[in-house]
Each structure stands twice: as structure tokens, then as C-alpha cells.
Amino acid sequence: MKQRRLIFAALAVLAAAGLAETTSHAETGGMDRREDRRENREDGRDEKAACKAGDEKSRPECRQDKRDTKQDGRGDEKSEPEKPEGS
């Protein structure tokens, strides 16, 4: 009887450890990409606010700066591939 309790307790500990392990690593690639998009939007907003605070640029120029900031944050997905040196 004691052996059954011991085995049951060991299995319960292993199950609890497995559950804790799966919940601690639940972040997926999609969650990482979402966070990147949120950061890019915030960076774009900050860029536009800083541009509007100064009087040297027009509204369209500030909007373009915001777009450029957001595009830069997206990485090289949409840009041209780099050419090898010596070409």
C-alpha cells in the first residue's frame, strides 16, 4: 500500500512539473511578431509626435517620417536583397 502511495506521489510531482514547464514556455513566434508590430507602431507615433513638435516640417513630411520609421522596424522583408561585395 505504501508503494502505491509513493508511486502515485511521484507521478503527481512529475505531472505538476510537466505542467509548469509547458506554461512557462508558452510564448510563440506569433506573439513575438505581435510585440514587434506594437513596438513599431509606438516608434512611429513617437517619431510623428517629435516631428509635429518642431516647426521645420509639414504634416505630409511628418507622416512620411512615421511611415519610414515603421517600415524600418519591419526589417528587410520587403526591401531588395543585398548585393554581394565585388559585384
N, C-alpha and C. Protein backbone atom coordinates (compact mmCIF):
# COMPACT_ATOMS: atom_id res chain seq x y z
N MET A 1 0.81 -1.18 0.00
CA MET A 1 0.00 0.00 0.00
C MET A 1 0.86 1.26 0.00
N LYS A 2 1.96 1.23 0.78
CA LYS A 2 2.85 2.38 0.83
C LYS A 2 3.53 2.61 -0.52
N GLN A 3 3.82 1.49 -1.21
CA GLN A 3 4.46 1.62 -2.51
C GLN A 3 3.53 2.32 -3.50
N ARG A 4 2.24 2.00 -3.46
CA ARG A 4 1.28 2.65 -4.36
C ARG A 4 1.21 4.15 -4.09
N ARG A 5 1.19 4.49 -2.80
CA ARG A 5 1.14 5.92 -2.45
C ARG A 5 2.41 6.63 -2.92
N LEU A 6 3.53 5.98 -2.76
CA LEU A 6 4.79 6.55 -3.18
C LEU A 6 4.82 6.74 -4.71
N ILE A 7 4.37 5.73 -5.43
CA ILE A 7 4.32 5.82 -6.89
C ILE A 7 3.34 6.91 -7.32
N PHE A 8 2.19 6.97 -6.70
CA PHE A 8 1.19 7.99 -7.01
C PHE A 8 1.73 9.39 -6.73
N ALA A 9 2.42 9.55 -5.63
CA ALA A 9 3.01 10.85 -5.28
C ALA A 9 4.08 11.25 -6.29
N ALA A 10 4.90 10.29 -6.71
CA ALA A 10 5.95 10.57 -7.68
C ALA A 10 5.33 10.98 -9.02
N LEU A 11 4.29 10.28 -9.44
CA LEU A 11 3.61 10.64 -10.69
C LEU A 11 2.97 12.02 -10.60
N ALA A 12 2.39 12.34 -9.45
CA ALA A 12 1.79 13.66 -9.27
C ALA A 12 2.83 14.76 -9.36
N VAL A 13 4.00 14.53 -8.78
CA VAL A 13 5.08 15.52 -8.84
C VAL A 13 5.56 15.69 -10.28
N LEU A 14 5.72 14.59 -10.99
CA LEU A 14 6.15 14.68 -12.39
C LEU A 14 5.11 15.40 -13.25
N ALA A 15 3.84 15.11 -13.03
CA ALA A 15 2.78 15.78 -13.79
C ALA A 15 2.76 17.27 -13.51
N ALA A 16 2.92 17.64 -12.26
CA ALA A 16 2.95 19.06 -11.89
C ALA A 16 4.15 19.76 -12.51
N ALA A 17 5.28 19.10 -12.52
CA ALA A 17 6.49 19.68 -13.12
C ALA A 17 6.31 19.84 -14.63
N GLY A 18 5.70 18.88 -15.28
CA GLY A 18 5.44 18.97 -16.72
C GLY A 18 4.48 20.08 -17.05
N LEU A 19 3.46 20.26 -16.23
CA LEU A 19 2.50 21.34 -16.44
C LEU A 19 3.17 22.69 -16.26
N ALA A 20 3.99 22.82 -15.25
CA ALA A 20 4.70 24.08 -15.01
C ALA A 20 5.65 24.38 -16.17
N GLU A 21 6.27 23.38 -16.71
CA GLU A 21 7.20 23.57 -17.82
C GLU A 21 6.48 24.06 -19.07
N THR A 22 5.34 23.52 -19.39
CA THR A 22 4.62 23.93 -20.61
C THR A 22 4.06 25.33 -20.49
N THR A 23 3.66 25.75 -19.32
CA THR A 23 3.11 27.09 -19.18
C THR A 23 4.20 28.15 -19.14
N SER A 24 5.40 27.82 -18.74
CA SER A 24 6.46 28.82 -18.67
C SER A 24 7.05 29.13 -20.05
N HIS A 25 6.86 28.27 -21.03
CA HIS A 25 7.40 28.49 -22.37
C HIS A 25 6.28 28.58 -23.40
N ALA A 26 5.21 29.27 -23.05
CA ALA A 26 4.06 29.31 -23.94
C ALA A 26 4.17 30.39 -25.01
N GLU A 27 5.21 31.24 -24.98
CA GLU A 27 5.32 32.30 -25.96
C GLU A 27 5.67 31.71 -27.32
N THR A 28 4.94 32.12 -28.33
CA THR A 28 5.14 31.58 -29.67
C THR A 28 5.74 32.65 -30.57
N GLY A 29 6.09 32.23 -31.77
CA GLY A 29 6.60 33.18 -32.75
C GLY A 29 5.59 34.26 -33.09
N GLY A 30 4.33 33.88 -33.13
CA GLY A 30 3.29 34.87 -33.41
C GLY A 30 3.21 35.94 -32.35
N MET A 31 3.42 35.54 -31.11
CA MET A 31 3.39 36.52 -30.02
C MET A 31 4.59 37.46 -30.13
N ASP A 32 5.73 36.92 -30.54
CA ASP A 32 6.91 37.77 -30.75
C ASP A 32 6.67 38.77 -31.86
N ARG A 33 6.07 38.31 -32.96
CA ARG A 33 5.79 39.22 -34.09
C ARG A 33 4.79 40.29 -33.70
N ARG A 34 3.79 39.92 -32.90
CA ARG A 34 2.81 40.91 -32.45
C ARG A 34 3.49 41.99 -31.62
N GLU A 35 4.37 41.58 -30.73
CA GLU A 35 5.09 42.55 -29.90
C GLU A 35 5.95 43.46 -30.77
N ASP A 36 6.58 42.90 -31.81
CA ASP A 36 7.38 43.71 -32.72
C ASP A 36 6.50 44.75 -33.43
N ARG A 37 5.31 44.33 -33.87
CA ARG A 37 4.41 45.28 -34.53
C ARG A 37 3.98 46.39 -33.60
N ARG A 38 3.70 46.03 -32.36
CA ARG A 38 3.31 47.05 -31.38
C ARG A 38 4.43 48.05 -31.16
N GLU A 39 5.65 47.55 -31.05
CA GLU A 39 6.79 48.44 -30.86
C GLU A 39 6.99 49.33 -32.08
N ASN A 40 6.81 48.77 -33.28
CA ASN A 40 6.96 49.57 -34.49
C ASN A 40 5.92 50.69 -34.54
N ARG A 41 4.67 50.38 -34.17
CA ARG A 41 3.63 51.41 -34.16
C ARG A 41 3.97 52.51 -33.16
N GLU A 42 4.43 52.10 -31.99
CA GLU A 42 4.76 53.10 -30.98
C GLU A 42 5.94 53.96 -31.42
N ASP A 43 6.94 53.34 -32.04
CA ASP A 43 8.07 54.12 -32.54
C ASP A 43 7.61 55.12 -33.60
N GLY A 44 6.69 54.68 -34.47
CA GLY A 44 6.15 55.58 -35.49
C GLY A 44 5.40 56.74 -34.88
N ARG A 45 4.60 56.45 -33.85
CA ARG A 45 3.86 57.53 -33.16
C ARG A 45 4.83 58.51 -32.52
N ASP A 46 5.87 57.99 -31.88
CA ASP A 46 6.85 58.86 -31.25
C ASP A 46 7.55 59.75 -32.28
N GLU A 47 7.88 59.16 -33.41
CA GLU A 47 8.54 59.91 -34.49
C GLU A 47 7.64 61.03 -34.98
N LYS A 48 6.38 60.73 -35.20
CA LYS A 48 5.45 61.74 -35.70
C LYS A 48 5.23 62.84 -34.67
N ALA A 49 5.10 62.46 -33.40
CA ALA A 49 4.91 63.47 -32.35
C ALA A 49 6.12 64.39 -32.26
N ALA A 50 7.31 63.83 -32.36
CA ALA A 50 8.52 64.64 -32.30
C ALA A 50 8.60 65.57 -33.51
N CYS A 51 8.19 65.08 -34.64
CA CYS A 51 8.21 65.88 -35.86
C CYS A 51 7.21 67.03 -35.76
N LYS A 52 6.01 66.73 -35.27
CA LYS A 52 4.98 67.76 -35.15
C LYS A 52 5.35 68.81 -34.10
N ALA A 53 6.14 68.41 -33.10
CA ALA A 53 6.55 69.35 -32.06
C ALA A 53 7.45 70.44 -32.63
N GLY A 54 8.25 70.08 -33.61
CA GLY A 54 9.10 71.07 -34.28
C GLY A 54 8.33 71.70 -35.43
N ASP A 55 8.74 72.87 -35.85
CA ASP A 55 8.02 73.58 -36.92
C ASP A 55 8.74 73.51 -38.26
N GLU A 56 9.76 72.69 -38.36
CA GLU A 56 10.55 72.69 -39.59
C GLU A 56 9.96 71.83 -40.71
N LYS A 57 9.01 70.93 -40.40
CA LYS A 57 8.45 70.05 -41.42
C LYS A 57 6.94 70.21 -41.51
N SER A 58 6.40 69.90 -42.69
CA SER A 58 4.95 69.96 -42.89
C SER A 58 4.31 68.65 -42.43
N ARG A 59 2.98 68.62 -42.37
CA ARG A 59 2.26 67.41 -41.97
C ARG A 59 2.60 66.22 -42.86
N PRO A 60 2.59 66.40 -44.19
CA PRO A 60 2.92 65.25 -45.04
C PRO A 60 4.34 64.73 -44.80
N GLU A 61 5.28 65.62 -44.53
CA GLU A 61 6.64 65.18 -44.25
C GLU A 61 6.71 64.40 -42.94
N CYS A 62 5.93 64.82 -41.94
CA CYS A 62 5.89 64.09 -40.68
C CYS A 62 5.26 62.71 -40.87
N ARG A 63 4.20 62.63 -41.68
CA ARG A 63 3.58 61.33 -41.94
C ARG A 63 4.55 60.41 -42.65
N GLN A 64 5.32 60.96 -43.59
CA GLN A 64 6.30 60.13 -44.31
C GLN A 64 7.39 59.64 -43.36
N ASP A 65 7.82 60.50 -42.43
CA ASP A 65 8.81 60.06 -41.44
C ASP A 65 8.26 58.91 -40.61
N LYS A 66 6.98 59.01 -40.25
CA LYS A 66 6.35 57.93 -39.46
C LYS A 66 6.34 56.64 -40.27
N ARG A 67 5.95 56.73 -41.54
CA ARG A 67 5.93 55.53 -42.39
C ARG A 67 7.32 54.92 -42.51
N ASP A 68 8.31 55.78 -42.71
CA ASP A 68 9.68 55.28 -42.85
C ASP A 68 10.14 54.57 -41.58
N THR A 69 9.79 55.15 -40.43
CA THR A 69 10.17 54.53 -39.16
C THR A 69 9.53 53.17 -39.01
N LYS A 70 8.25 53.08 -39.34
CA LYS A 70 7.56 51.80 -39.23
C LYS A 70 8.13 50.78 -40.21
N GLN A 71 8.44 51.23 -41.43
CA GLN A 71 8.99 50.32 -42.43
C GLN A 71 10.36 49.81 -42.00
N ASP A 72 11.18 50.69 -41.43
CA ASP A 72 12.49 50.26 -40.95
C ASP A 72 12.36 49.22 -39.84
N GLY A 73 11.34 49.34 -39.02
CA GLY A 73 11.12 48.40 -37.93
C GLY A 73 10.69 47.03 -38.40
N ARG A 74 10.18 46.96 -39.60
CA ARG A 74 9.72 45.67 -40.14
C ARG A 74 10.87 44.80 -40.61
N GLY A 75 12.03 45.37 -40.78
CA GLY A 75 13.18 44.59 -41.22
C GLY A 75 13.31 44.61 -42.73
N ASP A 76 14.08 43.67 -43.24
CA ASP A 76 14.38 43.63 -44.67
C ASP A 76 13.43 42.74 -45.45
N GLU A 77 12.26 42.45 -44.91
CA GLU A 77 11.34 41.54 -45.58
C GLU A 77 10.94 42.04 -46.96
N LYS A 78 10.70 43.35 -47.09
CA LYS A 78 10.18 43.89 -48.34
C LYS A 78 11.24 44.63 -49.15
N SER A 79 12.42 44.78 -48.61
CA SER A 79 13.45 45.54 -49.32
C SER A 79 14.20 44.62 -50.28
N GLU A 80 15.02 45.26 -51.10
CA GLU A 80 15.79 44.49 -52.07
C GLU A 80 16.87 43.68 -51.37
N PRO A 81 17.19 42.50 -51.90
CA PRO A 81 18.26 41.71 -51.30
C PRO A 81 19.59 42.42 -51.50
N GLU A 82 20.50 42.22 -50.54
CA GLU A 82 21.81 42.86 -50.64
C GLU A 82 22.62 42.20 -51.74
N LYS A 83 23.39 43.04 -52.43
CA LYS A 83 24.27 42.52 -53.48
C LYS A 83 25.59 42.14 -52.84
N PRO A 84 26.18 41.04 -53.29
CA PRO A 84 27.49 40.65 -52.74
C PRO A 84 28.55 41.67 -53.09
N GLU A 85 29.55 41.79 -52.21
CA GLU A 85 30.63 42.71 -52.48
C GLU A 85 31.39 42.27 -53.71
N GLY A 86 31.85 43.24 -54.48
CA GLY A 86 32.59 42.92 -55.68
C GLY A 86 31.73 42.82 -56.91
N SER A 87 30.41 42.96 -56.77
CA SER A 87 29.52 42.90 -57.93
C SER A 87 29.34 44.27 -58.52
